[in-house]
């Protein structure tokens, strides 16, 4: 399983650890991934995702998974998140037509 966020695609970064003597050692900085189950109110289901802690804070800030996905452009989301966003949009449009 790759170390990537399911929604944003954030992965590991590369860089140097720099000591006091300015000696540089190559290292990988891994994202803080968490396995969470988020509720999609529009779809009426729980969605299990592996996302970074920063993305989880953004979801809470935007008011939930549905609002987060609808607010962000599909270019900034992964394929899995884009598919979820399209499902949510489809369900919203069906509800609007029925009302």
C-alpha atoms as a PDB file:
ATOM      1  CA  UNK A   1       0.000   0.000   0.000  1.00  0.00           C
ATOM      2  CA  UNK A   2       1.449   3.335  -1.010  1.00  0.00           C
ATOM      3  CA  UNK A   3       1.907   6.124   1.500  1.00  0.00           C
ATOM      4  CA  UNK A   4      -0.475   8.547  -0.183  1.00  0.00           C
ATOM      5  CA  UNK A   5      -3.533  10.460   0.945  1.00  0.00           C
ATOM      6  CA  UNK A   6      -6.720   9.068  -0.623  1.00  0.00           C
ATOM      7  CA  UNK A   7      -8.206  12.526  -1.208  1.00  0.00           C
ATOM      8  CA  UNK A   8      -5.357  14.930  -1.951  1.00  0.00           C
ATOM      9  CA  UNK A   9      -2.662  12.543  -3.189  1.00  0.00           C
ATOM     10  CA  UNK A  10      -0.072  13.934  -0.760  1.00  0.00           C
ATOM     11  CA  UNK A  11       2.890  11.568  -0.630  1.00  0.00           C
ATOM     12  CA  UNK A  12       6.316  11.325   0.895  1.00  0.00           C
ATOM     13  CA  UNK A  13       8.834  14.126   0.415  1.00  0.00           C
ATOM     14  CA  UNK A  14      12.604  13.959   0.168  1.00  0.00           C
ATOM     15  CA  UNK A  15      15.178  16.169   1.766  1.00  0.00           C
ATOM     16  CA  UNK A  16      18.172  16.384   4.064  1.00  0.00           C
ATOM     17  CA  UNK A  17      18.575  16.123   7.784  1.00  0.00           C
ATOM     18  CA  UNK A  18      21.181  18.745   8.628  1.00  0.00           C
ATOM     19  CA  UNK A  19      23.384  18.260  11.681  1.00  0.00           C
ATOM     20  CA  UNK A  20      25.032  20.948  13.794  1.00  0.00           C
ATOM     21  CA  UNK A  21      28.225  20.505  11.733  1.00  0.00           C
ATOM     22  CA  UNK A  22      26.134  21.080   8.574  1.00  0.00           C
ATOM     23  CA  UNK A  23      26.501  17.421   7.507  1.00  0.00           C
ATOM     24  CA  UNK A  24      23.575  16.494   5.249  1.00  0.00           C
ATOM     25  CA  UNK A  25      21.968  13.052   5.341  1.00  0.00           C
ATOM     26  CA  UNK A  26      19.292  12.127   2.799  1.00  0.00           C
ATOM     27  CA  UNK A  27      15.936  11.205   4.293  1.00  0.00           C
ATOM     28  CA  UNK A  28      12.264  10.699   3.451  1.00  0.00           C
ATOM     29  CA  UNK A  29       9.585  12.668   5.241  1.00  0.00           C
ATOM     30  CA  UNK A  30       6.429  10.554   5.408  1.00  0.00           C
ATOM     31  CA  UNK A  31       2.904  12.013   5.592  1.00  0.00           C
ATOM     32  CA  UNK A  32       0.884  11.583   8.779  1.00  0.00           C
ATOM     33  CA  UNK A  33      -1.658   9.100   7.398  1.00  0.00           C
ATOM     34  CA  UNK A  34      -4.702   8.053   9.393  1.00  0.00           C
ATOM     35  CA  UNK A  35      -7.317   5.448   8.515  1.00  0.00           C
ATOM     36  CA  UNK A  36     -10.683   7.071   9.174  1.00  0.00           C
ATOM     37  CA  UNK A  37     -14.297   6.339   8.395  1.00  0.00           C
ATOM     38  CA  UNK A  38     -16.167   9.481   7.359  1.00  0.00           C
ATOM     39  CA  UNK A  39     -19.935   9.827   6.988  1.00  0.00           C
ATOM     40  CA  UNK A  40     -21.311  11.037   3.674  1.00  0.00           C
ATOM     41  CA  UNK A  41     -24.697  12.564   4.511  1.00  0.00           C
ATOM     42  CA  UNK A  42     -25.771  12.858   0.876  1.00  0.00           C
ATOM     43  CA  UNK A  43     -24.896   9.252  -0.019  1.00  0.00           C
ATOM     44  CA  UNK A  44     -26.031   7.977   3.385  1.00  0.00           C
ATOM     45  CA  UNK A  45     -22.976   5.742   3.847  1.00  0.00           C
ATOM     46  CA  UNK A  46     -19.695   5.641   5.704  1.00  0.00           C
ATOM     47  CA  UNK A  47     -16.579   5.945   3.550  1.00  0.00           C
ATOM     48  CA  UNK A  48     -13.324   4.439   4.821  1.00  0.00           C
ATOM     49  CA  UNK A  49     -10.318   6.489   3.706  1.00  0.00           C
ATOM     50  CA  UNK A  50      -6.595   6.721   4.391  1.00  0.00           C
ATOM     51  CA  UNK A  51      -5.976  10.461   4.638  1.00  0.00           C
ATOM     52  CA  UNK A  52      -3.446  12.840   6.157  1.00  0.00           C
ATOM     53  CA  UNK A  53      -4.133  14.652   9.413  1.00  0.00           C
ATOM     54  CA  UNK A  54      -4.044  17.990   7.557  1.00  0.00           C
ATOM     55  CA  UNK A  55      -6.758  16.806   5.156  1.00  0.00           C
ATOM     56  CA  UNK A  56      -8.860  15.624   8.090  1.00  0.00           C
ATOM     57  CA  UNK A  57      -8.621  19.100   9.633  1.00  0.00           C
ATOM     58  CA  UNK A  58      -9.645  20.630   6.283  1.00  0.00           C
ATOM     59  CA  UNK A  59     -12.668  18.329   6.073  1.00  0.00           C
ATOM     60  CA  UNK A  60     -13.779  19.378   9.563  1.00  0.00           C
ATOM     61  CA  UNK A  61     -13.188  23.048   8.690  1.00  0.00           C
ATOM     62  CA  UNK A  62     -15.349  22.788   5.544  1.00  0.00           C
ATOM     63  CA  UNK A  63     -18.228  21.108   7.361  1.00  0.00           C
ATOM     64  CA  UNK A  64     -17.891  17.454   6.428  1.00  0.00           C
ATOM     65  CA  UNK A  65     -16.794  15.173   3.618  1.00  0.00           C
ATOM     66  CA  UNK A  66     -19.549  16.181   1.185  1.00  0.00           C
ATOM     67  CA  UNK A  67     -18.885  19.910   1.524  1.00  0.00           C
ATOM     68  CA  UNK A  68     -15.125  19.371   1.226  1.00  0.00           C
ATOM     69  CA  UNK A  69     -15.430  17.368  -1.991  1.00  0.00           C
ATOM     70  CA  UNK A  70     -17.956  19.721  -3.580  1.00  0.00           C
ATOM     71  CA  UNK A  71     -15.827  22.768  -2.762  1.00  0.00           C
ATOM     72  CA  UNK A  72     -12.530  21.488  -4.222  1.00  0.00           C
ATOM     73  CA  UNK A  73     -11.870  21.149  -7.931  1.00  0.00           C
ATOM     74  CA  UNK A  74     -11.523  17.677  -9.355  1.00  0.00           C
ATOM     75  CA  UNK A  75      -8.002  18.480 -10.605  1.00  0.00           C
ATOM     76  CA  UNK A  76      -6.776  18.756  -7.014  1.00  0.00           C
ATOM     77  CA  UNK A  77      -8.366  15.454  -5.972  1.00  0.00           C
ATOM     78  CA  UNK A  78      -7.263  11.874  -6.621  1.00  0.00           C
ATOM     79  CA  UNK A  79      -9.168   9.565  -8.969  1.00  0.00           C
ATOM     80  CA  UNK A  80     -10.856   7.849  -6.015  1.00  0.00           C
ATOM     81  CA  UNK A  81     -11.972  11.185  -4.561  1.00  0.00           C
ATOM     82  CA  UNK A  82     -13.149  12.368  -7.995  1.00  0.00           C
ATOM     83  CA  UNK A  83     -15.320   9.283  -8.339  1.00  0.00           C
ATOM     84  CA  UNK A  84     -16.816   9.929  -4.905  1.00  0.00           C
ATOM     85  CA  UNK A  85     -17.438  13.573  -5.821  1.00  0.00           C
ATOM     86  CA  UNK A  86     -19.265  12.568  -9.025  1.00  0.00           C
ATOM     87  CA  UNK A  87     -21.489  10.186  -7.039  1.00  0.00           C
ATOM     88  CA  UNK A  88     -22.366  12.992  -4.627  1.00  0.00           C
ATOM     89  CA  UNK A  89     -23.094  15.440  -7.479  1.00  0.00           C
ATOM     90  CA  UNK A  90     -25.301  12.859  -9.217  1.00  0.00           C
ATOM     91  CA  UNK A  91     -27.296  12.263  -6.039  1.00  0.00           C
ATOM     92  CA  UNK A  92     -27.704  16.029  -5.418  1.00  0.00           C
ATOM     93  CA  UNK A  93     -28.925  16.626  -8.979  1.00  0.00           C
ATOM     94  CA  UNK A  94     -31.443  13.761  -8.721  1.00  0.00           C
ATOM     95  CA  UNK A  95     -32.763  15.190  -5.459  1.00  0.00           C
ATOM     96  CA  UNK A  96     -33.049  18.658  -7.039  1.00  0.00           C
ATOM     97  CA  UNK A  97     -34.997  17.271 -10.016  1.00  0.00           C
ATOM     98  CA  UNK A  98     -37.355  15.335  -7.735  1.00  0.00           C
ATOM     99  CA  UNK A  99     -38.118  18.413  -5.634  1.00  0.00           C
END
